[in-house]
Amino acid sequence: FHGSATEPPQFTRGYGVALGRSERKAMSVALVERALRADE
C-alpha cells in the first residue's frame, strides 16, 4: 500500500479464518477480503 495524503506508506492486511485444518480456504478468504477493501 503506497499511502495517501493522510496515511504514510505502509503495508495493509488481508485476514482469513476457517474451521478445522483449512489452509487453502483461510488463505483464499484473506486474499479476497483484502481485495474487497479497495474502496475503503
PDB file of all heavy atoms in Angstrom:
ATOM      1  N   PHE A   1       0.865  -1.175   0.000  1.00  0.00           N
ATOM      2  CA  PHE A   1       0.000   0.000   0.000  1.00  0.00           C
ATOM      3  C   PHE A   1       0.898   1.221   0.000  1.00  0.00           C
ATOM      4  O   PHE A   1       1.801   1.323   0.833  1.00  0.00           O
ATOM      5  CB  PHE A   1      -0.897  -0.010   1.240  1.00  0.00           C
ATOM      6  CG  PHE A   1      -1.779   1.208   1.359  1.00  0.00           C
ATOM      7  CD1 PHE A   1      -2.673   1.538   0.345  1.00  0.00           C
ATOM      8  CD2 PHE A   1      -1.720   2.017   2.475  1.00  0.00           C
ATOM      9  CE1 PHE A   1      -3.488   2.648   0.465  1.00  0.00           C
ATOM     10  CE2 PHE A   1      -2.540   3.135   2.595  1.00  0.00           C
ATOM     11  CZ  PHE A   1      -3.425   3.445   1.584  1.00  0.00           C
ATOM     12  N   HIS A   2       0.720   2.114  -0.918  1.00  0.00           N
ATOM     13  CA  HIS A   2       1.665   3.207  -1.107  1.00  0.00           C
ATOM     14  C   HIS A   2       1.333   4.458  -0.298  1.00  0.00           C
ATOM     15  O   HIS A   2       2.017   5.452  -0.411  1.00  0.00           O
ATOM     16  CB  HIS A   2       1.769   3.562  -2.595  1.00  0.00           C
ATOM     17  CG  HIS A   2       2.241   2.413  -3.426  1.00  0.00           C
ATOM     18  ND1 HIS A   2       3.490   1.865  -3.282  1.00  0.00           N
ATOM     19  CD2 HIS A   2       1.613   1.692  -4.393  1.00  0.00           C
ATOM     20  CE1 HIS A   2       3.629   0.849  -4.133  1.00  0.00           C
ATOM     21  NE2 HIS A   2       2.506   0.730  -4.814  1.00  0.00           N
ATOM     22  N   GLY A   3       0.291   4.391   0.505  1.00  0.00           N
ATOM     23  CA  GLY A   3      -0.044   5.543   1.324  1.00  0.00           C
ATOM     24  C   GLY A   3      -0.961   6.515   0.608  1.00  0.00           C
ATOM     25  O   GLY A   3      -1.382   6.310  -0.530  1.00  0.00           O
ATOM     26  N   SER A   4      -1.295   7.589   1.317  1.00  0.00           N
ATOM     27  CA  SER A   4      -2.197   8.600   0.768  1.00  0.00           C
ATOM     28  C   SER A   4      -1.825   9.950   1.370  1.00  0.00           C
ATOM     29  O   SER A   4      -0.802  10.086   2.034  1.00  0.00           O
ATOM     30  CB  SER A   4      -3.649   8.243   1.117  1.00  0.00           C
ATOM     31  OG  SER A   4      -3.839   8.312   2.528  1.00  0.00           O
ATOM     32  N   ALA A   5      -2.689  10.945   1.157  1.00  0.00           N
ATOM     33  CA  ALA A   5      -2.413  12.275   1.693  1.00  0.00           C
ATOM     34  C   ALA A   5      -2.440  12.281   3.214  1.00  0.00           C
ATOM     35  O   ALA A   5      -1.792  13.112   3.854  1.00  0.00           O
ATOM     36  CB  ALA A   5      -3.436  13.272   1.144  1.00  0.00           C
ATOM     37  N   THR A   6      -3.204  11.351   3.792  1.00  0.00           N
ATOM     38  CA  THR A   6      -3.332  11.316   5.256  1.00  0.00           C
ATOM     39  C   THR A   6      -2.613  10.141   5.890  1.00  0.00           C
ATOM     40  O   THR A   6      -2.427  10.124   7.103  1.00  0.00           O
ATOM     41  CB  THR A   6      -4.818  11.256   5.649  1.00  0.00           C
ATOM     42  OG1 THR A   6      -5.421  10.101   5.042  1.00  0.00           O
ATOM     43  CG2 THR A   6      -5.548  12.502   5.176  1.00  0.00           C
ATOM     44  N   GLU A   7      -2.220   9.145   5.100  1.00  0.00           N
ATOM     45  CA  GLU A   7      -1.590   7.950   5.640  1.00  0.00           C
ATOM     46  C   GLU A   7      -0.176   7.797   5.081  1.00  0.00           C
ATOM     47  O   GLU A   7       0.038   7.967   3.876  1.00  0.00           O
ATOM     48  CB  GLU A   7      -2.399   6.701   5.284  1.00  0.00           C
ATOM     49  CG  GLU A   7      -3.782   6.653   5.924  1.00  0.00           C
ATOM     50  CD  GLU A   7      -3.718   6.413   7.411  1.00  0.00           C
ATOM     51  OE1 GLU A   7      -2.672   5.926   7.903  1.00  0.00           O
ATOM     52  OE2 GLU A   7      -4.714   6.719   8.104  1.00  0.00           O
ATOM     53  N   PRO A   8       0.797   7.466   5.912  1.00  0.00           N
ATOM     54  CA  PRO A   8       2.156   7.238   5.414  1.00  0.00           C
ATOM     55  C   PRO A   8       2.226   5.914   4.663  1.00  0.00           C
ATOM     56  O   PRO A   8       1.352   5.049   4.830  1.00  0.00           O
ATOM     57  CB  PRO A   8       2.987   7.186   6.695  1.00  0.00           C
ATOM     58  CG  PRO A   8       2.032   6.690   7.738  1.00  0.00           C
ATOM     59  CD  PRO A   8       0.699   7.282   7.367  1.00  0.00           C
ATOM     60  N   PRO A   9       3.227   5.712   3.833  1.00  0.00           N
ATOM     61  CA  PRO A   9       3.379   4.417   3.160  1.00  0.00           C
ATOM     62  C   PRO A   9       3.473   3.289   4.192  1.00  0.00           C
ATOM     63  O   PRO A   9       4.207   3.396   5.180  1.00  0.00           O
ATOM     64  CB  PRO A   9       4.690   4.569   2.388  1.00  0.00           C
ATOM     65  CG  PRO A   9       4.825   6.036   2.182  1.00  0.00           C
ATOM     66  CD  PRO A   9       4.261   6.666   3.418  1.00  0.00           C
ATOM     67  N   GLN A  10       2.714   2.255   3.967  1.00  0.00           N
ATOM     68  CA  GLN A  10       2.688   1.133   4.905  1.00  0.00           C
ATOM     69  C   GLN A  10       2.099  -0.088   4.217  1.00  0.00           C
ATOM     70  O   GLN A  10       1.536  -0.004   3.132  1.00  0.00           O
ATOM     71  CB  GLN A  10       1.850   1.481   6.135  1.00  0.00           C
ATOM     72  CG  GLN A  10       0.395   1.792   5.803  1.00  0.00           C
ATOM     73  CD  GLN A  10      -0.420   2.192   7.019  1.00  0.00           C
ATOM     74  OE1 GLN A  10      -0.035   1.907   8.139  1.00  0.00           O
ATOM     75  NE2 GLN A  10      -1.549   2.846   6.805  1.00  0.00           N
ATOM     76  N   PHE A  11       2.248  -1.224   4.875  1.00  0.00           N
ATOM     77  CA  PHE A  11       1.604  -2.442   4.404  1.00  0.00           C
ATOM     78  C   PHE A  11       0.163  -2.489   4.914  1.00  0.00           C
ATOM     79  O   PHE A  11      -0.172  -1.886   5.942  1.00  0.00           O
ATOM     80  CB  PHE A  11       2.347  -3.685   4.917  1.00  0.00           C
ATOM     81  CG  PHE A  11       3.702  -3.898   4.303  1.00  0.00           C
ATOM     82  CD1 PHE A  11       4.858  -3.743   5.061  1.00  0.00           C
ATOM     83  CD2 PHE A  11       3.821  -4.281   2.982  1.00  0.00           C
ATOM     84  CE1 PHE A  11       6.104  -3.948   4.507  1.00  0.00           C
ATOM     85  CE2 PHE A  11       5.071  -4.494   2.408  1.00  0.00           C
ATOM     86  CZ  PHE A  11       6.215  -4.323   3.179  1.00  0.00           C
ATOM     87  N   THR A  12      -0.680  -3.219   4.189  1.00  0.00           N
ATOM     88  CA  THR A  12      -2.042  -3.475   4.651  1.00  0.00           C
ATOM     89  C   THR A  12      -2.224  -4.972   4.848  1.00  0.00           C
ATOM     90  O   THR A  12      -1.384  -5.772   4.436  1.00  0.00           O
ATOM     91  CB  THR A  12      -3.075  -2.955   3.638  1.00  0.00           C
ATOM     92  OG1 THR A  12      -2.789  -3.519   2.352  1.00  0.00           O
ATOM     93  CG2 THR A  12      -3.042  -1.447   3.544  1.00  0.00           C
ATOM     94  N   ARG A  13      -3.319  -5.327   5.467  1.00  0.00           N
ATOM     95  CA  ARG A  13      -3.564  -6.728   5.819  1.00  0.00           C
ATOM     96  C   ARG A  13      -4.789  -7.272   5.087  1.00  0.00           C
ATOM     97  O   ARG A  13      -5.745  -6.545   4.813  1.00  0.00           O
ATOM     98  CB  ARG A  13      -3.836  -6.883   7.322  1.00  0.00           C
ATOM     99  CG  ARG A  13      -2.790  -6.315   8.248  1.00  0.00           C
ATOM    100  CD  ARG A  13      -3.272  -6.440   9.683  1.00  0.00           C
ATOM    101  NE  ARG A  13      -2.419  -5.731  10.625  1.00  0.00           N
ATOM    102  CZ  ARG A  13      -1.757  -6.315  11.629  1.00  0.00           C
ATOM    103  NH1 ARG A  13      -1.858  -7.611  11.811  1.00  0.00           N
ATOM    104  NH2 ARG A  13      -1.028  -5.602  12.462  1.00  0.00           N
ATOM    105  N   GLY A  14      -4.746  -8.573   4.850  1.00  0.00           N
ATOM    106  CA  GLY A  14      -5.928  -9.326   4.471  1.00  0.00           C
ATOM    107  C   GLY A  14      -6.072 -10.437   5.492  1.00  0.00           C
ATOM    108  O   GLY A  14      -5.078 -11.091   5.831  1.00  0.00           O
ATOM    109  N   TYR A  15      -7.271 -10.636   6.011  1.00  0.00           N
ATOM    110  CA  TYR A  15      -7.463 -11.590   7.112  1.00  0.00           C
ATOM    111  C   TYR A  15      -8.404 -12.705   6.686  1.00  0.00           C
ATOM    112  O   TYR A  15      -9.422 -12.469   6.037  1.00  0.00           O
ATOM    113  CB  TYR A  15      -8.028 -10.877   8.338  1.00  0.00           C
ATOM    114  CG  TYR A  15      -8.249 -11.798   9.517  1.00  0.00           C
ATOM    115  CD1 TYR A  15      -7.186 -12.191  10.322  1.00  0.00           C
ATOM    116  CD2 TYR A  15      -9.518 -12.295   9.803  1.00  0.00           C
ATOM    117  CE1 TYR A  15      -7.374 -13.051  11.393  1.00  0.00           C
ATOM    118  CE2 TYR A  15      -9.720 -13.145  10.873  1.00  0.00           C
ATOM    119  CZ  TYR A  15      -8.648 -13.519  11.673  1.00  0.00           C
ATOM    120  OH  TYR A  15      -8.841 -14.383  12.723  1.00  0.00           O
ATOM    121  N   GLY A  16      -8.041 -13.927   7.086  1.00  0.00           N
ATOM    122  CA  GLY A  16      -8.912 -15.071   6.819  1.00  0.00           C
ATOM    123  C   GLY A  16      -8.870 -16.059   7.965  1.00  0.00           C
ATOM    124  O   GLY A  16      -7.839 -16.215   8.622  1.00  0.00           O
ATOM    125  N   VAL A  17      -9.983 -16.718   8.213  1.00  0.00           N
ATOM    126  CA  VAL A  17     -10.055 -17.744   9.250  1.00  0.00           C
ATOM    127  C   VAL A  17     -11.005 -18.823   8.761  1.00  0.00           C
ATOM    128  O   VAL A  17     -11.902 -18.570   7.957  1.00  0.00           O
ATOM    129  CB  VAL A  17     -10.534 -17.136  10.595  1.00  0.00           C
ATOM    130  CG1 VAL A  17     -11.992 -16.701  10.507  1.00  0.00           C
ATOM    131  CG2 VAL A  17     -10.335 -18.108  11.754  1.00  0.00           C
ATOM    132  N   ALA A  18     -10.787 -20.049   9.215  1.00  0.00           N
ATOM    133  CA  ALA A  18     -11.633 -21.167   8.797  1.00  0.00           C
ATOM    134  C   ALA A  18     -11.655 -22.213   9.894  1.00  0.00           C
ATOM    135  O   ALA A  18     -10.717 -22.308  10.701  1.00  0.00           O
ATOM    136  CB  ALA A  18     -11.128 -21.777   7.490  1.00  0.00           C
ATOM    137  N   LEU A  19     -12.722 -22.983   9.935  1.00  0.00           N
ATOM    138  CA  LEU A  19     -12.841 -24.058  10.914  1.00  0.00           C
ATOM    139  C   LEU A  19     -11.939 -25.216  10.522  1.00  0.00           C
ATOM    140  O   LEU A  19     -11.818 -25.556   9.342  1.00  0.00           O
ATOM    141  CB  LEU A  19     -14.289 -24.539  11.004  1.00  0.00           C
ATOM    142  CG  LEU A  19     -15.350 -23.493  11.341  1.00  0.00           C
ATOM    143  CD1 LEU A  19     -16.728 -24.131  11.399  1.00  0.00           C
ATOM    144  CD2 LEU A  19     -15.041 -22.807  12.655  1.00  0.00           C
ATOM    145  N   GLY A  20     -11.324 -25.846  11.528  1.00  0.00           N
ATOM    146  CA  GLY A  20     -10.510 -27.028  11.277  1.00  0.00           C
ATOM    147  C   GLY A  20      -9.222 -26.705  10.552  1.00  0.00           C
ATOM    148  O   GLY A  20      -8.717 -25.592  10.576  1.00  0.00           O
ATOM    149  N   ARG A  21      -8.697 -27.728   9.872  1.00  0.00           N
ATOM    150  CA  ARG A  21      -7.463 -27.573   9.089  1.00  0.00           C
ATOM    151  C   ARG A  21      -7.854 -27.227   7.654  1.00  0.00           C
ATOM    152  O   ARG A  21      -8.080 -28.106   6.832  1.00  0.00           O
ATOM    153  CB  ARG A  21      -6.641 -28.868   9.135  1.00  0.00           C
ATOM    154  CG  ARG A  21      -6.170 -29.241  10.539  1.00  0.00           C
ATOM    155  CD  ARG A  21      -5.440 -30.566  10.543  1.00  0.00           C
ATOM    156  NE  ARG A  21      -5.023 -30.951  11.890  1.00  0.00           N
ATOM    157  CZ  ARG A  21      -5.781 -31.601  12.768  1.00  0.00           C
ATOM    158  NH1 ARG A  21      -7.022 -31.944  12.422  1.00  0.00           N
ATOM    159  NH2 ARG A  21      -5.324 -31.903  13.960  1.00  0.00           N
ATOM    160  N   SER A  22      -7.941 -25.951   7.390  1.00  0.00           N
ATOM    161  CA  SER A  22      -8.469 -25.480   6.104  1.00  0.00           C
ATOM    162  C   SER A  22      -7.598 -24.338   5.593  1.00  0.00           C
ATOM    163  O   SER A  22      -8.053 -23.194   5.484  1.00  0.00           O
ATOM    164  CB  SER A  22      -9.931 -25.033   6.254  1.00  0.00           C
ATOM    165  OG  SER A  22     -10.721 -26.027   6.857  1.00  0.00           O
ATOM    166  N   GLU A  23      -6.345 -24.644   5.288  1.00  0.00           N
ATOM    167  CA  GLU A  23      -5.391 -23.596   4.911  1.00  0.00           C
ATOM    168  C   GLU A  23      -5.764 -22.917   3.604  1.00  0.00           C
ATOM    169  O   GLU A  23      -5.699 -21.697   3.483  1.00  0.00           O
ATOM    170  CB  GLU A  23      -3.987 -24.196   4.821  1.00  0.00           C
ATOM    171  CG  GLU A  23      -3.454 -24.671   6.151  1.00  0.00           C
ATOM    172  CD  GLU A  23      -2.019 -25.166   6.054  1.00  0.00           C
ATOM    173  OE1 GLU A  23      -1.420 -25.076   4.958  1.00  0.00           O
ATOM    174  OE2 GLU A  23      -1.498 -25.648   7.075  1.00  0.00           O
ATOM    175  N   ARG A  24      -6.131 -23.708   2.605  1.00  0.00           N
ATOM    176  CA  ARG A  24      -6.478 -23.134   1.296  1.00  0.00           C
ATOM    177  C   ARG A  24      -7.653 -22.169   1.445  1.00  0.00           C
ATOM    178  O   ARG A  24      -7.680 -21.094   0.839  1.00  0.00           O
ATOM    179  CB  ARG A  24      -6.808 -24.273   0.335  1.00  0.00           C
ATOM    180  CG  ARG A  24      -6.997 -23.853  -1.107  1.00  0.00           C
ATOM    181  CD  ARG A  24      -7.010 -25.070  -2.003  1.00  0.00           C
ATOM    182  NE  ARG A  24      -7.925 -26.101  -1.528  1.00  0.00           N
ATOM    183  CZ  ARG A  24      -7.578 -27.370  -1.294  1.00  0.00           C
ATOM    184  NH1 ARG A  24      -6.340 -27.767  -1.510  1.00  0.00           N
ATOM    185  NH2 ARG A  24      -8.469 -28.249  -0.861  1.00  0.00           N
ATOM    186  N   LYS A  25      -8.618 -22.548   2.269  1.00  0.00           N
ATOM    187  CA  LYS A  25      -9.792 -21.696   2.482  1.00  0.00           C
ATOM    188  C   LYS A  25      -9.401 -20.416   3.216  1.00  0.00           C
ATOM    189  O   LYS A  25      -9.786 -19.308   2.809  1.00  0.00           O
ATOM    190  CB  LYS A  25     -10.825 -22.472   3.294  1.00  0.00           C
ATOM    191  CG  LYS A  25     -12.080 -21.681   3.702  1.00  0.00           C
ATOM    192  CD  LYS A  25     -12.905 -21.307   2.490  1.00  0.00           C
ATOM    193  CE  LYS A  25     -14.221 -20.649   2.911  1.00  0.00           C
ATOM    194  NZ  LYS A  25     -15.151 -21.596   3.524  1.00  0.00           N
ATOM    195  N   ALA A  26      -8.633 -20.537   4.296  1.00  0.00           N
ATOM    196  CA  ALA A  26      -8.254 -19.360   5.070  1.00  0.00           C
ATOM    197  C   ALA A  26      -7.427 -18.388   4.224  1.00  0.00           C
ATOM    198  O   ALA A  26      -7.612 -17.164   4.293  1.00  0.00           O
ATOM    199  CB  ALA A  26      -7.473 -19.776   6.311  1.00  0.00           C
ATOM    200  N   MET A  27      -6.505 -18.912   3.406  1.00  0.00           N
ATOM    201  CA  MET A  27      -5.693 -18.053   2.542  1.00  0.00           C
ATOM    202  C   MET A  27      -6.557 -17.364   1.488  1.00  0.00           C
ATOM    203  O   MET A  27      -6.383 -16.169   1.206  1.00  0.00           O
ATOM    204  CB  MET A  27      -4.596 -18.880   1.881  1.00  0.00           C
ATOM    205  CG  MET A  27      -3.548 -19.409   2.841  1.00  0.00           C
ATOM    206  SD  MET A  27      -2.322 -20.465   2.039  1.00  0.00           S
ATOM    207  CE  MET A  27      -1.382 -19.239   1.111  1.00  0.00           C
ATOM    208  N   SER A  28      -7.490 -18.098   0.913  1.00  0.00           N
ATOM    209  CA  SER A  28      -8.372 -17.513  -0.102  1.00  0.00           C
ATOM    210  C   SER A  28      -9.232 -16.415   0.496  1.00  0.00           C
ATOM    211  O   SER A  28      -9.426 -15.356  -0.118  1.00  0.00           O
ATOM    212  CB  SER A  28      -9.254 -18.603  -0.720  1.00  0.00           C
ATOM    213  OG  SER A  28      -8.483 -19.573  -1.396  1.00  0.00           O
ATOM    214  N   VAL A  29      -9.754 -16.653   1.697  1.00  0.00           N
ATOM    215  CA  VAL A  29     -10.555 -15.629   2.373  1.00  0.00           C
ATOM    216  C   VAL A  29      -9.722 -14.378   2.599  1.00  0.00           C
ATOM    217  O   VAL A  29     -10.177 -13.254   2.347  1.00  0.00           O
ATOM    218  CB  VAL A  29     -11.106 -16.164   3.706  1.00  0.00           C
ATOM    219  CG1 VAL A  29     -11.724 -15.028   4.534  1.00  0.00           C
ATOM    220  CG2 VAL A  29     -12.149 -17.250   3.473  1.00  0.00           C
ATOM    221  N   ALA A  30      -8.475 -14.551   3.054  1.00  0.00           N
ATOM    222  CA  ALA A  30      -7.613 -13.407   3.327  1.00  0.00           C
ATOM    223  C   ALA A  30      -7.332 -12.598   2.061  1.00  0.00           C
ATOM    224  O   ALA A  30      -7.339 -11.362   2.084  1.00  0.00           O
ATOM    225  CB  ALA A  30      -6.298 -13.881   3.948  1.00  0.00           C
ATOM    226  N   LEU A  31      -7.100 -13.273   0.950  1.00  0.00           N
ATOM    227  CA  LEU A  31      -6.798 -12.578  -0.304  1.00  0.00           C
ATOM    228  C   LEU A  31      -8.016 -11.844  -0.848  1.00  0.00           C
ATOM    229  O   LEU A  31      -7.922 -10.703  -1.293  1.00  0.00           O
ATOM    230  CB  LEU A  31      -6.280 -13.592  -1.332  1.00  0.00           C
ATOM    231  CG  LEU A  31      -4.883 -14.149  -1.057  1.00  0.00           C
ATOM    232  CD1 LEU A  31      -4.614 -15.377  -1.918  1.00  0.00           C
ATOM    233  CD2 LEU A  31      -3.819 -13.090  -1.297  1.00  0.00           C
ATOM    234  N   VAL A  32      -9.183 -12.502  -0.811  1.00  0.00           N
ATOM    235  CA  VAL A  32     -10.401 -11.864  -1.323  1.00  0.00           C
ATOM    236  C   VAL A  32     -10.834 -10.738  -0.386  1.00  0.00           C
ATOM    237  O   VAL A  32     -11.279  -9.670  -0.833  1.00  0.00           O
ATOM    238  CB  VAL A  32     -11.524 -12.909  -1.493  1.00  0.00           C
ATOM    239  CG1 VAL A  32     -12.823 -12.233  -1.920  1.00  0.00           C
ATOM    240  CG2 VAL A  32     -11.120 -13.948  -2.530  1.00  0.00           C
ATOM    241  N   GLU A  33     -10.671 -10.964   0.923  1.00  0.00           N
ATOM    242  CA  GLU A  33     -11.043  -9.931   1.899  1.00  0.00           C
ATOM    243  C   GLU A  33     -10.250  -8.662   1.664  1.00  0.00           C
ATOM    244  O   GLU A  33     -10.778  -7.553   1.731  1.00  0.00           O
ATOM    245  CB  GLU A  33     -10.809 -10.469   3.307  1.00  0.00           C
ATOM    246  CG  GLU A  33     -11.450  -9.628   4.408  1.00  0.00           C
ATOM    247  CD  GLU A  33     -10.530  -8.565   4.972  1.00  0.00           C
ATOM    248  OE1 GLU A  33      -9.306  -8.761   4.960  1.00  0.00           O
ATOM    249  OE2 GLU A  33     -11.040  -7.520   5.430  1.00  0.00           O
ATOM    250  N   ARG A  34      -8.971  -8.816   1.365  1.00  0.00           N
ATOM    251  CA  ARG A  34      -8.144  -7.635   1.081  1.00  0.00           C
ATOM    252  C   ARG A  34      -8.588  -6.947  -0.205  1.00  0.00           C
ATOM    253  O   ARG A  34      -8.641  -5.711  -0.280  1.00  0.00           O
ATOM    254  CB  ARG A  34      -6.668  -8.042   0.992  1.00  0.00           C
ATOM    255  CG  ARG A  34      -5.723  -6.942   0.523  1.00  0.00           C
ATOM    256  CD  ARG A  34      -5.791  -5.703   1.402  1.00  0.00           C
ATOM    257  NE  ARG A  34      -4.911  -4.643   0.916  1.00  0.00           N
ATOM    258  CZ  ARG A  34      -5.235  -3.779  -0.034  1.00  0.00           C
ATOM    259  NH1 ARG A  34      -6.423  -3.857  -0.617  1.00  0.00           N
ATOM    260  NH2 ARG A  34      -4.384  -2.845  -0.403  1.00  0.00           N
ATOM    261  N   ALA A  35      -8.918  -7.725  -1.226  1.00  0.00           N
ATOM    262  CA  ALA A  35      -9.376  -7.128  -2.483  1.00  0.00           C
ATOM    263  C   ALA A  35     -10.649  -6.314  -2.277  1.00  0.00           C
ATOM    264  O   ALA A  35     -10.830  -5.255  -2.894  1.00  0.00           O
ATOM    265  CB  ALA A  35      -9.606  -8.229  -3.523  1.00  0.00           C
ATOM    266  N   LEU A  36     -11.527  -6.783  -1.383  1.00  0.00           N
ATOM    267  CA  LEU A  36     -12.789  -6.088  -1.144  1.00  0.00           C
ATOM    268  C   LEU A  36     -12.620  -4.807  -0.330  1.00  0.00           C
ATOM    269  O   LEU A  36     -13.565  -4.036  -0.188  1.00  0.00           O
ATOM    270  CB  LEU A  36     -13.765  -7.023  -0.416  1.00  0.00           C
ATOM    271  CG  LEU A  36     -14.289  -8.205  -1.231  1.00  0.00           C
ATOM    272  CD1 LEU A  36     -15.177  -9.100  -0.378  1.00  0.00           C
ATOM    273  CD2 LEU A  36     -15.058  -7.725  -2.453  1.00  0.00           C
ATOM    274  N   ARG A  37     -11.430  -4.567   0.190  1.00  0.00           N
ATOM    275  CA  ARG A  37     -11.174  -3.353   0.959  1.00  0.00           C
ATOM    276  C   ARG A  37     -10.705  -2.206   0.066  1.00  0.00           C
ATOM    277  O   ARG A  37     -10.348  -1.142   0.564  1.00  0.00           O
ATOM    278  CB  ARG A  37     -10.127  -3.633   2.040  1.00  0.00           C
ATOM    279  CG  ARG A  37     -10.565  -4.664   3.076  1.00  0.00           C
ATOM    280  CD  ARG A  37      -9.500  -4.829   4.151  1.00  0.00           C
ATOM    281  NE  ARG A  37      -9.282  -3.561   4.836  1.00  0.00           N
ATOM    282  CZ  ARG A  37      -8.130  -3.223   5.419  1.00  0.00           C
ATOM    283  NH1 ARG A  37      -7.092  -4.044   5.366  1.00  0.00           N
ATOM    284  NH2 ARG A  37      -8.013  -2.069   6.039  1.00  0.00           N
ATOM    285  N   ALA A  38     -10.697  -2.412  -1.234  1.00  0.00           N
ATOM    286  CA  ALA A  38     -10.158  -1.414  -2.161  1.00  0.00           C
ATOM    287  C   ALA A  38     -10.815  -0.056  -1.969  1.00  0.00           C
ATOM    288  O   ALA A  38     -10.133   0.977  -1.890  1.00  0.00           O
ATOM    289  CB  ALA A  38     -10.331  -1.894  -3.602  1.00  0.00           C
ATOM    290  N   ASP A  39     -12.129  -0.020  -1.883  1.00  0.00           N
ATOM    291  CA  ASP A  39     -12.844   1.252  -1.802  1.00  0.00           C
ATOM    292  C   ASP A  39     -12.498   1.995  -0.523  1.00  0.00           C
ATOM    293  O   ASP A  39     -12.211   3.202  -0.545  1.00  0.00           O
ATOM    294  CB  ASP A  39     -14.352   1.003  -1.888  1.00  0.00           C
ATOM    295  CG  ASP A  39     -15.124   2.296  -2.027  1.00  0.00           C
ATOM    296  OD1 ASP A  39     -14.778   3.112  -2.896  1.00  0.00           O
ATOM    297  OD2 ASP A  39     -16.074   2.505  -1.243  1.00  0.00           O
ATOM    298  N   GLU A  40     -12.484   1.306   0.620  1.00  0.00           N
ATOM    299  CA  GLU A  40     -12.217   1.989   1.889  1.00  0.00           C
ATOM    300  C   GLU A  40     -10.763   2.430   2.013  1.00  0.00           C
ATOM    301  O   GLU A  40     -10.443   3.301   2.822  1.00  0.00           O
ATOM    302  CB  GLU A  40     -12.594   1.095   3.068  1.00  0.00           C
ATOM    303  CG  GLU A  40     -11.777  -0.180   3.190  1.00  0.00           C
ATOM    304  CD  GLU A  40     -12.396  -1.166   4.161  1.00  0.00           C
ATOM    305  OE1 GLU A  40     -13.605  -1.450   4.036  1.00  0.00           O
ATOM    306  OE2 GLU A  40     -11.668  -1.644   5.039  1.00  0.00           O
TER     307      GLU A  40
END
